[in-house]
Amino acid sequence: MAIDCRQFVDGQIRDLRARVGNETAITALSGGVDSSVVTVLGHKALGPRLKAVFVDNALMRENEPQRVVEMFGEMGIKVDLMDAREEFLSALAGLTDPEQKRHAITDTFYSKVFGRLVRESGAKFLLHGTILTDIEETVAGIKRQHNILTQLGIQPEEAYGYSVLEPLMTLRKDGVREVARFLGLPKELSERMPFPGPALATRIVGEVTPERLDTVRAATAIVEEELIDCGAFQYLAVLLNDMATGIRDNRREFGQIIVVRCMESVDAREATVTRPSWETLDRISKRITQIKGVNRCLYDLTPKPPATIEYV
């Protein structure tokens, strides 16, 4: 459904100014269209009283933190890059249950990492890119989104010492893109493929380790390179916890399994499977099985529902 972008933007700028007042706010930038729009809205509303931070949680795609900081610098918005890789990896160590992993990421992000930033900056507010689909899926029990707090009974001011403002919580993904285009964000941001807040942790079934992150990061780069022109809503690579017997250099190998997923959708509530050409799938499979330790590549044919787009 089309929205009046001018009315929405002006309203959110007025609301942010009224709620933040003379205080300082922080925005958690990830480079996705949701957090990018929130950062630009916050910058327009608050100017230098907005502190934009990209938290490197060790879970991002290749060179993603540096590229996002660079893009916003080109728009005149300074973004600080914070290295929190060790904190997130330590919090995830030994965890295999999907909900426990999401909880560990949520707690590390809001309580430890941003708690420290809030104390250092004196900020009273966190601007977050929560959208309507995030809220609906969490409340319905489909999966816990890492950025949902008050809807689960968590009061961030009491738990973490700051308030969370969610300017996009009435919009779905297509609406957020409309606002991004209206604000003049570069296509690399406004049309950016959805990428989950917990990042590559949602694409590793089982424990998240540096080695397993390296594997799924390499597979992700291949999938995104091969499918960049396919026009799909989202495409990704997933590392399973299962292993499979294979053959490499004429020797038996017990290797890892990568699943490729490519989906058509408008707002992520429902999704159907894209049908890439056999030549494309064959090329992806050959490249992925060249990754060290990987000897199987599968293509997921399941729509949403019954599946979700992400795996964890």
Protein backbone atom coordinates (compact mmCIF):
# COMPACT_ATOMS: atom_id res chain seq x y z
CA MET A 1 0.00 0.00 0.00
CA ALA A 2 1.42 3.38 -1.04
CA ILE A 3 2.14 5.87 1.71
CA ASP A 4 2.42 9.65 1.74
CA CYS A 5 6.19 9.82 2.16
CA ARG A 6 6.32 13.58 2.69
CA GLN A 7 3.72 13.40 5.46
CA PHE A 8 5.42 10.36 7.04
CA VAL A 9 8.91 11.90 7.00
CA ASP A 10 7.79 15.29 8.32
CA GLY A 11 5.76 13.59 11.04
CA GLN A 12 8.62 11.38 12.19
CA ILE A 13 11.08 14.28 12.24
CA ARG A 14 8.67 16.31 14.40
CA ASP A 15 8.10 13.32 16.68
CA LEU A 16 11.81 12.58 17.12
CA ARG A 17 12.57 16.21 17.94
CA ALA A 18 9.72 16.30 20.47
CA ARG A 19 10.64 13.04 22.18
CA VAL A 20 14.41 13.49 22.27
CA GLY A 21 14.28 17.19 23.16
CA ASN A 22 17.75 18.46 24.01
CA GLU A 23 19.10 14.99 24.81
CA THR A 24 21.42 12.83 22.70
CA ALA A 25 20.27 9.77 20.74
CA ILE A 26 22.14 6.82 19.24
CA THR A 27 21.25 4.94 16.09
CA ALA A 28 22.34 1.36 15.54
CA LEU A 29 23.25 1.28 11.87
CA SER A 30 23.61 -2.07 10.10
CA GLY A 31 23.44 -0.92 6.48
CA GLY A 32 20.06 -2.51 5.84
CA VAL A 33 17.30 -0.30 4.46
CA ASP A 34 15.47 -0.15 7.82
CA SER A 35 18.37 1.08 9.93
CA SER A 36 19.58 3.31 7.06
CA VAL A 37 16.24 5.12 6.85
CA VAL A 38 16.12 5.53 10.65
CA THR A 39 19.66 6.95 10.63
CA VAL A 40 18.84 9.50 7.92
CA LEU A 41 15.59 10.48 9.68
CA GLY A 42 17.49 10.85 12.94
CA HIS A 43 20.19 12.93 11.27
CA LYS A 44 17.58 15.26 9.75
CA ALA A 45 15.75 15.58 13.05
CA LEU A 46 18.63 15.85 15.50
CA GLY A 47 21.76 16.79 13.57
CA PRO A 48 24.88 16.52 15.76
CA ARG A 49 22.81 15.22 18.70
CA LEU A 50 22.53 11.90 16.87
CA LYS A 51 25.42 9.49 17.33
CA ALA A 52 25.48 6.89 14.53
CA VAL A 53 27.33 3.66 15.31
CA PHE A 54 27.98 0.51 13.30
CA VAL A 55 28.63 -2.39 15.67
CA ASP A 56 30.94 -4.99 14.13
CA ASN A 57 29.61 -8.13 15.79
CA ALA A 58 31.76 -10.59 13.77
CA LEU A 59 28.58 -11.81 12.06
CA MET A 60 28.55 -9.54 9.01
CA ARG A 61 29.30 -10.24 5.36
CA GLU A 62 32.75 -9.70 3.85
CA ASN A 63 33.92 -6.06 4.26
CA GLU A 64 30.39 -4.95 5.16
CA PRO A 65 31.19 -2.75 8.19
CA GLN A 66 33.78 -0.70 6.31
CA ARG A 67 31.57 -0.29 3.22
CA VAL A 68 28.55 0.92 5.20
CA VAL A 69 30.63 3.49 7.10
CA GLU A 70 32.05 4.69 3.78
CA MET A 71 28.61 5.06 2.13
CA PHE A 72 27.22 7.17 4.97
CA GLY A 73 30.34 9.29 5.01
CA GLU A 74 29.64 10.08 1.35
CA MET A 75 26.17 11.29 2.44
CA GLY A 76 27.70 13.56 5.06
CA ILE A 77 26.72 11.37 8.02
CA LYS A 78 29.58 10.34 10.30
CA VAL A 79 29.36 6.75 11.54
CA ASP A 80 31.64 5.33 14.21
CA LEU A 81 32.73 1.71 13.76
CA MET A 82 32.77 -0.22 17.03
CA ASP A 83 34.63 -3.51 17.32
CA ALA A 84 32.52 -5.85 19.45
CA ARG A 85 33.46 -9.11 17.72
CA GLU A 86 34.90 -10.81 20.76
CA GLU A 87 31.89 -9.98 22.94
CA PHE A 88 29.38 -11.50 20.52
CA LEU A 89 31.45 -14.60 19.75
CA SER A 90 31.94 -15.23 23.47
CA ALA A 91 28.20 -14.85 24.10
CA LEU A 92 27.40 -17.35 21.33
CA ALA A 93 30.03 -19.93 22.25
CA GLY A 94 28.52 -23.35 22.92
CA LEU A 95 24.94 -22.34 22.03
CA THR A 96 23.00 -24.39 19.47
CA ASP A 97 19.35 -23.65 20.26
CA PRO A 98 17.97 -20.93 17.92
CA GLU A 99 16.13 -19.04 20.65
CA GLN A 100 19.12 -19.12 22.97
CA LYS A 101 21.32 -17.73 20.20
CA ARG A 102 18.89 -14.92 19.45
CA HIS A 103 18.58 -14.12 23.15
CA ALA A 104 22.39 -14.02 23.51
CA ILE A 105 22.65 -11.59 20.60
CA THR A 106 19.83 -9.41 21.95
CA ASP A 107 21.30 -9.26 25.45
CA THR A 108 24.86 -8.61 24.23
CA PHE A 109 23.70 -5.89 21.86
CA TYR A 110 21.33 -3.98 24.12
CA SER A 111 22.75 -4.56 27.56
CA LYS A 112 26.50 -4.80 27.11
CA VAL A 113 27.50 -3.09 23.86
CA PHE A 114 24.91 -0.32 23.72
CA GLY A 115 24.84 -0.05 27.49
CA ARG A 116 28.50 0.93 27.32
CA LEU A 117 27.90 3.37 24.47
CA VAL A 118 25.04 4.99 26.36
CA ARG A 119 27.18 5.46 29.45
CA GLU A 120 30.03 6.93 27.42
CA SER A 121 27.86 9.27 25.33
CA GLY A 122 25.19 10.15 27.86
CA ALA A 123 22.50 9.25 25.31
CA LYS A 124 18.98 8.69 26.59
CA PHE A 125 17.46 7.23 23.42
CA LEU A 126 18.23 4.48 20.92
CA LEU A 127 16.69 4.84 17.45
CA HIS A 128 15.89 1.42 16.04
CA GLY A 129 14.64 0.20 12.64
CA THR A 130 11.91 -2.11 13.92
CA ILE A 131 9.21 -2.64 11.26
CA LEU A 132 5.68 -4.01 11.52
CA THR A 133 6.60 -7.50 10.26
CA ASP A 134 9.21 -7.84 13.03
CA ILE A 135 6.55 -7.13 15.65
CA GLU A 136 3.91 -9.40 14.08
CA GLU A 137 6.22 -12.41 13.77
CA THR A 138 7.46 -12.10 17.33
CA VAL A 139 4.03 -11.60 18.90
CA ALA A 140 2.67 -14.52 16.87
CA GLY A 141 5.49 -16.75 18.15
CA ILE A 142 6.88 -17.43 14.66
CA LYS A 143 10.35 -16.36 15.76
CA ARG A 144 11.82 -13.90 18.19
CA GLN A 145 13.26 -10.91 16.38
CA HIS A 146 16.36 -9.54 18.09
CA ASN A 147 15.00 -5.97 17.97
CA ILE A 148 11.68 -6.64 19.72
CA LEU A 149 11.61 -5.56 23.34
CA THR A 150 8.47 -3.91 24.71
CA GLN A 151 6.25 -6.35 22.81
CA LEU A 152 7.82 -9.12 24.90
CA GLY A 153 7.44 -7.22 28.15
CA ILE A 154 11.04 -5.93 28.22
CA GLN A 155 11.15 -2.31 29.35
CA PRO A 156 14.45 -1.02 27.90
CA GLU A 157 14.63 2.03 30.19
CA GLU A 158 14.49 -0.20 33.26
CA ALA A 159 16.57 -3.05 31.80
CA TYR A 160 19.22 -1.09 29.91
CA GLY A 161 19.03 2.53 31.01
CA TYR A 162 17.69 4.13 27.82
CA SER A 163 14.48 4.39 25.80
CA VAL A 164 14.02 2.84 22.35
CA LEU A 165 12.32 4.87 19.60
CA GLU A 166 10.95 3.00 16.57
CA PRO A 167 10.01 5.43 13.76
CA LEU A 168 9.26 2.66 11.23
CA MET A 169 7.11 0.36 13.36
CA THR A 170 3.96 1.07 11.31
CA LEU A 171 5.62 0.23 7.96
CA ARG A 172 6.38 -2.99 6.12
CA LYS A 173 9.48 -3.49 3.99
CA ASP A 174 7.95 -2.09 0.80
CA GLY A 175 6.87 1.04 2.67
CA VAL A 176 10.36 1.51 4.11
CA ARG A 177 11.82 1.33 0.59
CA GLU A 178 9.38 4.02 -0.57
CA VAL A 179 10.58 6.30 2.22
CA ALA A 180 14.23 5.49 1.41
CA ARG A 181 13.74 6.54 -2.21
CA PHE A 182 11.92 9.70 -1.11
CA LEU A 183 14.86 10.58 1.17
CA GLY A 184 17.25 10.15 -1.76
CA LEU A 185 19.26 7.24 -0.38
CA PRO A 186 21.54 5.65 -2.99
CA LYS A 187 20.17 2.52 -4.64
CA GLU A 188 22.77 0.40 -2.89
CA LEU A 189 20.88 1.21 0.32
CA SER A 190 17.26 1.81 -0.75
CA GLU A 191 17.08 -1.41 -2.77
CA ARG A 192 19.37 -3.40 -0.54
CA MET A 193 18.37 -6.99 -0.04
CA PRO A 194 17.01 -7.77 3.46
CA PHE A 195 19.67 -8.95 5.88
CA PRO A 196 18.71 -10.03 9.40
CA GLY A 197 19.77 -8.12 12.49
CA PRO A 198 21.53 -11.19 13.99
CA ALA A 199 23.25 -11.41 10.58
CA LEU A 200 25.07 -14.64 9.68
CA ALA A 201 24.15 -16.18 13.03
CA THR A 202 20.70 -16.79 11.50
CA ARG A 203 22.35 -18.76 8.70
CA ILE A 204 24.29 -21.20 10.82
CA VAL A 205 22.33 -24.15 12.19
CA GLY A 206 24.09 -25.15 15.40
CA GLU A 207 26.98 -23.41 17.13
CA VAL A 208 28.37 -20.15 15.76
CA THR A 209 32.16 -20.28 15.66
CA PRO A 210 34.76 -18.21 13.76
CA GLU A 211 35.47 -21.18 11.49
CA ARG A 212 31.80 -21.78 10.67
CA LEU A 213 31.32 -18.06 10.09
CA ASP A 214 34.19 -18.12 7.58
CA THR A 215 32.46 -20.97 5.73
CA VAL A 216 29.00 -19.36 5.51
CA ARG A 217 30.55 -15.95 4.72
CA ALA A 218 32.39 -17.44 1.73
CA ALA A 219 29.22 -19.22 0.54
CA THR A 220 27.20 -16.03 0.99
CA ALA A 221 29.61 -14.08 -1.20
CA ILE A 222 29.25 -16.68 -3.96
CA VAL A 223 25.44 -16.76 -3.81
CA GLU A 224 25.14 -12.97 -3.81
CA GLU A 225 27.56 -12.62 -6.70
CA GLU A 226 25.78 -15.26 -8.81
CA LEU A 227 22.21 -14.09 -8.11
CA ILE A 228 22.69 -10.31 -7.98
CA ASP A 229 20.81 -9.78 -11.26
CA CYS A 230 18.01 -12.28 -10.66
CA GLY A 231 15.58 -9.69 -9.26
CA ALA A 232 14.62 -11.82 -6.25
CA PHE A 233 13.56 -10.36 -2.90
CA GLN A 234 16.24 -12.25 -0.96
CA TYR A 235 18.90 -14.90 -1.58
CA LEU A 236 21.24 -16.47 0.92
CA ALA A 237 23.42 -19.39 1.96
CA VAL A 238 22.91 -21.49 5.09
CA LEU A 239 25.36 -23.81 6.82
CA LEU A 240 23.67 -26.90 8.25
CA ASN A 241 24.73 -28.76 11.36
CA ASP A 242 24.59 -32.10 9.52
CA MET A 243 27.56 -33.61 7.70
CA ALA A 244 27.73 -35.70 4.54
CA THR A 245 30.13 -38.17 3.00
CA GLY A 246 31.91 -36.99 -0.11
CA ILE A 247 34.99 -37.53 -2.23
CA ARG A 248 37.88 -35.10 -2.63
CA ASP A 249 41.26 -35.82 -4.19
CA ASN A 250 40.20 -39.48 -4.53
CA ARG A 251 39.73 -39.76 -0.80
CA ARG A 252 36.61 -40.11 1.35
CA GLU A 253 35.62 -36.90 3.11
CA PHE A 254 33.04 -36.19 5.78
CA GLY A 255 32.09 -32.63 4.87
CA GLN A 256 29.72 -29.77 5.53
CA ILE A 257 26.45 -28.96 3.75
CA ILE A 258 25.43 -25.56 2.38
CA VAL A 259 21.79 -24.80 1.50
CA VAL A 260 21.02 -22.06 -1.03
CA ARG A 261 17.75 -20.13 -0.70
CA CYS A 262 16.27 -17.62 -3.19
CA MET A 263 12.82 -16.08 -2.60
CA GLU A 264 10.24 -13.80 -4.21
CA SER A 265 8.29 -11.54 -1.84
CA VAL A 266 6.98 -8.02 -1.32
CA ASP A 267 7.03 -7.60 2.44
CA ALA A 268 8.49 -10.89 3.81
CA ARG A 269 5.15 -12.04 5.25
CA GLU A 270 4.83 -14.62 2.47
CA ALA A 271 7.43 -15.77 -0.04
CA THR A 272 7.66 -18.11 -3.01
CA VAL A 273 10.73 -19.86 -4.36
CA THR A 274 12.62 -18.35 -7.28
CA ARG A 275 13.50 -20.63 -10.19
CA PRO A 276 17.07 -19.82 -11.27
CA SER A 277 18.32 -21.53 -14.42
CA TRP A 278 19.92 -24.94 -14.09
CA GLU A 279 23.17 -23.43 -15.40
CA THR A 280 23.16 -20.88 -12.56
CA LEU A 281 22.46 -23.49 -9.89
CA ASP A 282 25.12 -25.78 -11.33
CA ARG A 283 27.68 -22.97 -11.27
CA ILE A 284 26.78 -22.05 -7.69
CA SER A 285 27.10 -25.67 -6.59
CA LYS A 286 30.50 -26.08 -8.20
CA ARG A 287 31.83 -22.90 -6.62
CA ILE A 288 30.43 -23.60 -3.15
CA THR A 289 31.80 -27.14 -3.04
CA GLN A 290 35.26 -25.66 -3.62
CA ILE A 291 35.05 -24.03 -0.18
CA LYS A 292 37.27 -25.89 2.26
CA GLY A 293 35.33 -28.59 4.09
CA VAL A 294 32.11 -28.27 2.05
CA ASN A 295 31.09 -31.18 -0.20
CA ARG A 296 27.31 -30.74 -0.59
CA CYS A 297 25.22 -27.87 -1.98
CA LEU A 298 21.41 -28.04 -1.83
CA TYR A 299 18.65 -25.75 -3.16
CA ASP A 300 15.69 -25.14 -0.83
CA LEU A 301 12.28 -25.37 -2.54
CA THR A 302 10.12 -24.49 0.49
CA PRO A 303 7.89 -21.37 0.38
CA LYS A 304 6.95 -19.17 3.35
CA PRO A 305 4.83 -20.54 4.94
CA PRO A 306 5.43 -23.28 6.00
CA ALA A 307 9.10 -22.23 6.20
CA THR A 308 10.48 -18.86 7.24
CA ILE A 309 12.94 -17.19 4.86
CA GLU A 310 15.83 -17.46 7.32
CA TYR A 311 16.76 -20.74 9.00
CA VAL A 312 17.43 -19.74 12.62
